[in-house]
C-alpha cells in the first residue's frame, strides 16, 4: 500500500460509519439512487453523506459514467478497509441483538415467493397476535441472502446451508406433484397413467439462474414427449399459468391445495420432495424476539407438515 492510500485509510478510521455505509452501498449498487433505496434513506441524504466522506478524506471517490458511479483509484484504495469495517460493525450489531431480551423490535425474514407469500403470511398473523410489539420485515427473494452480513435475521431455505456459523432447523419436507386446471384437463382428456401425458404441454419454473429443471428431469427420465409452453422465474406466474390452461405443471402440494380450480394428476405418483429449513446466525440464538419468531414459524410448520409434504392433513 503506497503512502497516499495509507493516509486515506488512516483518515477512514475516523470517518462517520453512516458515510462509509453510503460509499459501500454505491459500490455494490452502482448508483446513488439504488444505494439510497438499499439503505432506506433519501437520495439527497445519501449524496450529502458521500460528500461528507469525500471531504473528510480529501479525495473524490467516484466518477460518473452515464447513470453509473465507478470508484476512482482512491475509492478502490479504501474499499478493502471499508469492507473490514463493515464486517466488524455487522458482527458488533449481531452480538448486541443476540443479547436482546425484549419481545419488541424488527425481525427481518427472507423467504421465497411461494413460501413467503402463501404459507408464511397466515403464520405472521398468529405472530402478531402473540407478540404485537414485534415488527416483521419480510423480504421475498429467490436468492440465498447473506446471514453473516445481516441481510436477514431469519431465512427460510429449500436446502440446508453448509456454513458452520449458521443454526439450521428443519421445518418440513415440501412435496411436489403434477397439476393442471380443471378446464385444461377437460380439453386434454383423462390422465390415468403416466403414458397418457405423452405430448402434453408444460409450464416450467426456473427460479434461480442456472437452476436444474426438475420437471424436465422427470419427463425425460420417464421417456415422455413434451412441449414447454412457458418458462418463468416466478412461482406465482407458474401457478397462474397452470390455472389458466397453459399446460401441466410441477407444483408444491401446499400451494396447489389453495386453488379449487387446480387438480392433482396421478395423485399416487411421488414426483419430488425438498426440505424447508429455518436458518439464522449463531450470534442471534439468544435474541428473545428472533427466537420468538422462529418458534412460531416452527410450530406452524409442525402443524402443517402433512399439508406441506403431501397436500393433505391439517392446514396451519
Protein backbone atom coordinates (compact mmCIF):
# COMPACT_ATOMS: atom_id res chain seq x y z
CA UNK A 1 0.00 0.00 0.00
CA UNK A 2 1.51 3.37 -1.02
CA UNK A 3 1.73 6.34 1.32
CA UNK A 4 -1.30 8.06 -0.25
CA UNK A 5 -3.53 5.03 0.34
CA UNK A 6 -2.13 4.62 3.85
CA UNK A 7 -3.07 8.20 4.67
CA UNK A 8 -6.59 7.79 3.27
CA UNK A 9 -7.14 4.56 5.14
CA UNK A 10 -5.95 6.25 8.32
CA UNK A 11 -8.49 9.04 7.76
CA UNK A 12 -11.15 6.44 7.01
CA UNK A 13 -10.83 5.08 10.56
CA UNK A 14 -12.06 8.45 11.87
CA UNK A 15 -14.90 8.89 9.37
CA UNK A 16 -18.58 8.51 10.24
CA UNK A 17 -19.82 4.94 9.76
CA UNK A 18 -23.07 6.23 8.21
CA UNK A 19 -20.98 7.91 5.49
CA UNK A 20 -18.92 4.77 4.86
CA UNK A 21 -22.14 2.72 4.52
CA UNK A 22 -23.24 5.02 1.70
CA UNK A 23 -19.88 4.58 -0.05
CA UNK A 24 -20.18 0.79 0.13
CA UNK A 25 -23.82 0.81 -1.00
CA UNK A 26 -22.87 2.84 -4.08
CA UNK A 27 -20.04 0.41 -4.87
CA UNK A 28 -22.45 -2.52 -4.59
CA UNK A 29 -25.41 -0.99 -6.44
CA UNK A 30 -23.61 1.18 -8.99
CA UNK A 31 -25.50 4.43 -8.44
CA UNK A 32 -26.72 6.85 -5.80
CA UNK A 33 -30.45 6.17 -6.27
CA UNK A 34 -30.13 2.42 -5.72
CA UNK A 35 -27.79 2.96 -2.79
CA UNK A 36 -30.32 5.26 -1.11
CA UNK A 37 -33.08 2.66 -1.64
CA UNK A 38 -30.86 -0.09 -0.25
CA UNK A 39 -30.18 1.94 2.91
CA UNK A 40 -33.75 3.26 3.15
CA UNK A 41 -32.67 6.91 3.10
CA UNK A 42 -33.41 9.73 0.68
CA UNK A 43 -31.18 10.37 -2.32
CA UNK A 44 -30.21 13.88 -1.08
CA UNK A 45 -29.19 12.37 2.28
CA UNK A 46 -27.07 9.75 0.51
CA UNK A 47 -25.48 12.50 -1.59
CA UNK A 48 -24.66 14.57 1.49
CA UNK A 49 -23.08 11.62 3.25
CA UNK A 50 -20.94 10.78 0.24
CA UNK A 51 -19.85 14.42 0.01
CA UNK A 52 -19.01 14.41 3.72
CA UNK A 53 -16.83 11.30 3.32
CA UNK A 54 -15.04 12.73 0.29
CA UNK A 55 -14.44 15.95 2.20
CA UNK A 56 -13.08 14.07 5.22
CA UNK A 57 -10.71 12.07 3.00
CA UNK A 58 -9.85 14.96 0.68
CA UNK A 59 -10.44 12.93 -2.49
CA UNK A 60 -13.18 12.08 -4.99
CA UNK A 61 -14.34 8.50 -4.56
CA UNK A 62 -16.40 8.07 -7.75
CA UNK A 63 -16.55 9.15 -11.35
CA UNK A 64 -19.91 9.23 -13.11
CA UNK A 65 -20.24 7.39 -16.41
CA UNK A 66 -23.82 7.89 -17.53
CA UNK A 67 -26.02 6.66 -14.72
CA UNK A 68 -23.32 4.55 -13.13
CA UNK A 69 -20.83 5.62 -10.50
CA UNK A 70 -17.45 3.91 -10.80
CA UNK A 71 -14.88 4.02 -7.98
CA UNK A 72 -11.83 6.16 -8.62
CA UNK A 73 -8.38 4.87 -7.74
CA UNK A 74 -8.87 6.49 -4.34
CA UNK A 75 -12.22 4.73 -3.93
CA UNK A 76 -10.67 1.40 -4.85
CA UNK A 77 -7.82 2.12 -2.44
CA UNK A 78 -10.11 2.36 0.60
CA UNK A 79 -12.54 -0.38 -0.40
CA UNK A 80 -10.86 -3.26 1.41
CA UNK A 81 -10.59 -1.27 4.66
CA UNK A 82 -14.22 -0.20 4.34
CA UNK A 83 -15.28 -3.85 3.89
CA UNK A 84 -13.36 -4.84 7.02
CA UNK A 85 -15.11 -2.07 8.96
CA UNK A 86 -18.45 -3.26 7.58
CA UNK A 87 -17.85 -6.83 8.75
CA UNK A 88 -16.83 -5.61 12.19
CA UNK A 89 -19.85 -3.34 12.53
CA UNK A 90 -22.22 -6.11 11.43
CA UNK A 91 -20.64 -8.52 13.91
CA UNK A 92 -20.99 -5.99 16.74
CA UNK A 93 -24.64 -5.42 15.86
CA UNK A 94 -25.30 -9.19 15.71
CA UNK A 95 -23.76 -9.70 19.13
CA UNK A 96 -25.73 -6.81 20.59
CA UNK A 97 -29.00 -8.06 19.13
CA UNK A 98 -28.16 -11.59 20.21
CA UNK A 99 -28.28 -10.48 23.83
CA UNK A 100 -31.52 -8.52 23.49
CA UNK A 101 -34.20 -9.99 25.75
CA UNK A 102 -37.12 -7.73 24.84
CA UNK A 103 -40.03 -9.02 22.77
CA UNK A 104 -40.17 -5.90 20.62
CA UNK A 105 -38.37 -4.53 17.59
CA UNK A 106 -37.92 -5.64 13.99
CA UNK A 107 -37.11 -9.13 12.72
CA UNK A 108 -36.12 -9.46 9.07
CA UNK A 109 -37.22 -12.67 7.34
CA UNK A 110 -36.09 -13.76 3.89
CA UNK A 111 -38.27 -16.29 2.06
CA UNK A 112 -39.05 -17.42 -1.46
CA UNK A 113 -42.20 -16.27 -3.21
CA UNK A 114 -44.30 -19.38 -2.63
CA UNK A 115 -43.24 -19.94 0.97
CA UNK A 116 -43.24 -16.28 1.92
CA UNK A 117 -46.41 -15.03 0.30
CA UNK A 118 -48.64 -18.10 0.54
CA UNK A 119 -47.62 -20.06 3.61
CA UNK A 120 -45.83 -17.59 5.89
CA UNK A 121 -48.36 -14.73 5.86
CA UNK A 122 -51.00 -16.59 7.94
CA UNK A 123 -48.22 -17.61 10.33
CA UNK A 124 -47.27 -13.97 10.78
CA UNK A 125 -50.89 -13.21 11.63
CA UNK A 126 -50.58 -15.55 14.61
CA UNK A 127 -47.22 -14.00 15.48
CA UNK A 128 -48.84 -10.56 15.52
CA UNK A 129 -51.49 -11.72 17.96
CA UNK A 130 -48.92 -13.28 20.30
CA UNK A 131 -46.25 -10.59 20.08
CA UNK A 132 -47.85 -7.28 18.98
CA UNK A 133 -44.64 -5.30 19.56
CA UNK A 134 -42.57 -7.36 17.10
CA UNK A 135 -42.46 -5.94 13.58
CA UNK A 136 -41.57 -8.16 10.64
CA UNK A 137 -39.62 -7.02 7.60
CA UNK A 138 -40.50 -9.75 5.05
CA UNK A 139 -38.26 -9.91 2.01
CA UNK A 140 -39.42 -12.10 -0.86
CA UNK A 141 -36.45 -13.22 -2.93
CA UNK A 142 -35.16 -16.30 -4.68
CA UNK A 143 -31.50 -15.84 -3.82
CA UNK A 144 -29.87 -17.07 -0.64
CA UNK A 145 -29.26 -14.00 1.49
CA UNK A 146 -26.01 -13.49 3.40
CA UNK A 147 -26.88 -14.03 7.06
CA UNK A 148 -23.30 -13.30 8.10
CA UNK A 149 -23.66 -9.80 6.64
CA UNK A 150 -27.05 -9.48 8.38
CA UNK A 151 -29.11 -9.25 5.19
CA UNK A 152 -31.77 -11.05 7.24
CA UNK A 153 -32.24 -12.34 10.78
CA UNK A 154 -34.11 -15.47 9.66
CA UNK A 155 -34.08 -17.19 6.28
CA UNK A 156 -36.43 -19.90 5.05
CA UNK A 157 -34.48 -22.00 2.57
CA UNK A 158 -35.25 -25.03 0.45
CA UNK A 159 -31.87 -26.59 1.16
CA UNK A 160 -29.69 -26.85 4.25
CA UNK A 161 -26.78 -24.37 4.26
CA UNK A 162 -23.30 -25.69 5.00
CA UNK A 163 -21.77 -22.65 6.74
CA UNK A 164 -20.56 -23.52 10.23
CA UNK A 165 -21.72 -20.26 11.88
CA UNK A 166 -25.38 -20.77 10.95
CA UNK A 167 -28.02 -22.52 13.06
CA UNK A 168 -30.34 -24.67 10.95
CA UNK A 169 -33.71 -26.12 11.95
CA UNK A 170 -35.55 -28.43 9.57
CA UNK A 171 -39.19 -27.41 9.39
CA UNK A 172 -40.73 -29.91 6.98
CA UNK A 173 -40.49 -31.76 3.72
CA UNK A 174 -42.09 -29.93 0.79
CA UNK A 175 -43.74 -32.29 -1.68
CA UNK A 176 -44.35 -31.55 -5.35
CA UNK A 177 -46.77 -33.16 -7.74
CA UNK A 178 -48.24 -32.85 -11.21
CA UNK A 179 -51.13 -30.39 -11.51
CA UNK A 180 -53.41 -28.94 -14.17
CA UNK A 181 -56.51 -26.78 -14.27
CA UNK A 182 -59.89 -28.47 -14.50
CA UNK A 183 -60.51 -26.70 -17.82
CA UNK A 184 -57.20 -27.88 -19.26
CA UNK A 185 -57.93 -31.47 -18.25
CA UNK A 186 -61.39 -31.28 -19.81
CA UNK A 187 -59.72 -30.42 -23.12
CA UNK A 188 -56.69 -32.69 -22.79
CA UNK A 189 -58.56 -35.75 -21.62
CA UNK A 190 -58.30 -38.15 -18.71
CA UNK A 191 -54.86 -38.97 -17.28
CA UNK A 192 -54.96 -42.40 -15.71
CA UNK A 193 -51.37 -43.49 -16.21
CA UNK A 194 -48.04 -41.87 -16.91
CA UNK A 195 -48.14 -42.67 -20.61
CA UNK A 196 -51.28 -40.54 -21.00
CA UNK A 197 -49.06 -37.47 -20.56
CA UNK A 198 -47.19 -38.12 -23.82
CA UNK A 199 -47.22 -34.97 -25.94
CA UNK A 200 -48.57 -32.77 -23.13
CA UNK A 201 -47.87 -29.05 -22.78
CA UNK A 202 -45.99 -27.94 -19.65
CA UNK A 203 -45.28 -24.77 -17.71
CA UNK A 204 -41.70 -24.77 -16.41
CA UNK A 205 -40.36 -22.89 -13.39
CA UNK A 206 -36.69 -21.81 -13.38
CA UNK A 207 -36.43 -19.71 -10.24
CA UNK A 208 -32.66 -19.34 -9.88
CA UNK A 209 -30.01 -18.69 -12.58
CA UNK A 210 -28.56 -22.00 -13.67
CA UNK A 211 -31.04 -24.00 -11.60
CA UNK A 212 -31.63 -27.55 -12.82
CA UNK A 213 -35.05 -28.27 -14.29
CA UNK A 214 -36.66 -30.88 -12.06
CA UNK A 215 -39.62 -31.00 -14.44
CA UNK A 216 -37.52 -31.91 -17.47
CA UNK A 217 -35.54 -34.46 -15.47
CA UNK A 218 -38.83 -36.13 -14.58
CA UNK A 219 -40.21 -36.02 -18.14
CA UNK A 220 -37.05 -37.23 -19.87
CA UNK A 221 -36.42 -39.81 -17.15
CA UNK A 222 -39.83 -41.31 -17.92
CA UNK A 223 -39.25 -41.05 -21.69
CA UNK A 224 -42.23 -38.75 -22.24
CA UNK A 225 -42.60 -36.48 -25.24
CA UNK A 226 -43.44 -32.97 -24.12
CA UNK A 227 -43.56 -29.31 -25.10
CA UNK A 228 -42.67 -26.37 -22.82
CA UNK A 229 -45.21 -23.62 -23.49
CA UNK A 230 -43.91 -21.15 -20.91
CA UNK A 231 -40.85 -20.75 -18.69
CA UNK A 232 -40.91 -18.33 -15.78
CA UNK A 233 -38.71 -17.31 -12.86
CA UNK A 234 -41.78 -16.59 -10.73
CA UNK A 235 -43.60 -19.34 -8.79
CA UNK A 236 -46.72 -17.15 -8.74
CA UNK A 237 -46.61 -16.75 -12.52
CA UNK A 238 -46.14 -20.50 -12.91
CA UNK A 239 -49.19 -21.14 -10.72
CA UNK A 240 -51.33 -18.66 -12.65
CA UNK A 241 -50.17 -20.12 -15.97
CA UNK A 242 -51.30 -23.58 -14.90
CA UNK A 243 -54.61 -22.18 -13.63
CA UNK A 244 -55.23 -20.51 -16.99
CA UNK A 245 -54.63 -23.65 -19.01
CA UNK A 246 -51.17 -23.08 -20.48
CA UNK A 247 -50.22 -26.61 -19.53
CA UNK A 248 -49.45 -29.03 -16.76
CA UNK A 249 -47.03 -28.01 -14.02
CA UNK A 250 -44.81 -29.41 -11.29
CA UNK A 251 -46.08 -27.52 -8.24
CA UNK A 252 -45.86 -27.85 -4.46
CA UNK A 253 -48.87 -29.61 -2.93
CA UNK A 254 -49.34 -26.91 -0.31
CA UNK A 255 -49.63 -24.12 -2.87
CA UNK A 256 -51.81 -26.08 -5.28
CA UNK A 257 -54.21 -27.00 -2.47
CA UNK A 258 -55.17 -23.33 -2.16
CA UNK A 259 -56.84 -23.33 -5.60
CA UNK A 260 -60.00 -25.39 -6.18
CA UNK A 261 -59.64 -24.98 -9.97
CA UNK A 262 -56.30 -26.86 -9.95
CA UNK A 263 -56.31 -30.63 -9.53
CA UNK A 264 -53.60 -33.16 -8.90
CA UNK A 265 -52.80 -35.55 -11.74
CA UNK A 266 -51.79 -39.11 -10.86
CA UNK A 267 -52.05 -38.49 -7.09
CA UNK A 268 -50.33 -41.77 -6.21
CA UNK A 269 -47.21 -40.66 -8.08
CA UNK A 270 -44.41 -39.19 -5.92
CA UNK A 271 -42.52 -36.79 -8.15
CA UNK A 272 -40.10 -34.96 -5.86
CA UNK A 273 -39.58 -33.54 -2.39
CA UNK A 274 -37.43 -30.74 -0.97
CA UNK A 275 -36.61 -29.74 2.60
CA UNK A 276 -37.66 -26.46 4.19
CA UNK A 277 -35.11 -25.09 6.66
CA UNK A 278 -35.23 -22.19 9.09
CA UNK A 279 -31.77 -20.61 9.31
CA UNK A 280 -30.30 -17.88 11.50
CA UNK A 281 -26.82 -16.81 12.60
CA UNK A 282 -25.46 -18.37 15.76
CA UNK A 283 -24.78 -14.93 17.27
CA UNK A 284 -28.55 -14.33 17.32
CA UNK A 285 -29.53 -17.54 19.08
CA UNK A 286 -30.16 -15.76 22.40
CA UNK A 287 -32.20 -12.87 20.98
CA UNK A 288 -35.65 -13.16 22.56
CA UNK A 289 -37.57 -11.58 19.69
CA UNK A 290 -35.79 -13.58 16.98
CA UNK A 291 -36.27 -16.81 18.93
CA UNK A 292 -39.96 -15.98 19.43
CA UNK A 293 -40.47 -15.52 15.68
CA UNK A 294 -38.52 -18.68 14.85
CA UNK A 295 -40.52 -20.71 17.36
CA UNK A 296 -43.88 -19.53 15.98
CA UNK A 297 -42.80 -20.43 12.44
CA UNK A 298 -41.56 -23.85 13.56
CA UNK A 299 -44.78 -24.52 15.46
CA UNK A 300 -46.92 -23.82 12.40
CA UNK A 301 -44.65 -25.94 10.22
CA UNK A 302 -45.12 -28.86 12.60
CA UNK A 303 -48.91 -28.46 12.50
CA UNK A 304 -48.99 -28.31 8.70
CA UNK A 305 -46.30 -30.90 7.95
CA UNK A 306 -48.76 -33.27 6.23
CA UNK A 307 -50.07 -30.47 4.04
CA UNK A 308 -46.57 -29.33 3.14
CA UNK A 309 -45.36 -32.84 2.34
CA UNK A 310 -48.44 -34.43 0.79
CA UNK A 311 -51.05 -31.71 0.19
CA UNK A 312 -53.39 -33.14 2.80
CA UNK A 313 -53.92 -33.13 6.55
CA UNK A 314 -54.23 -30.21 8.93
CA UNK A 315 -53.64 -26.78 7.47
CA UNK A 316 -51.89 -24.27 9.76
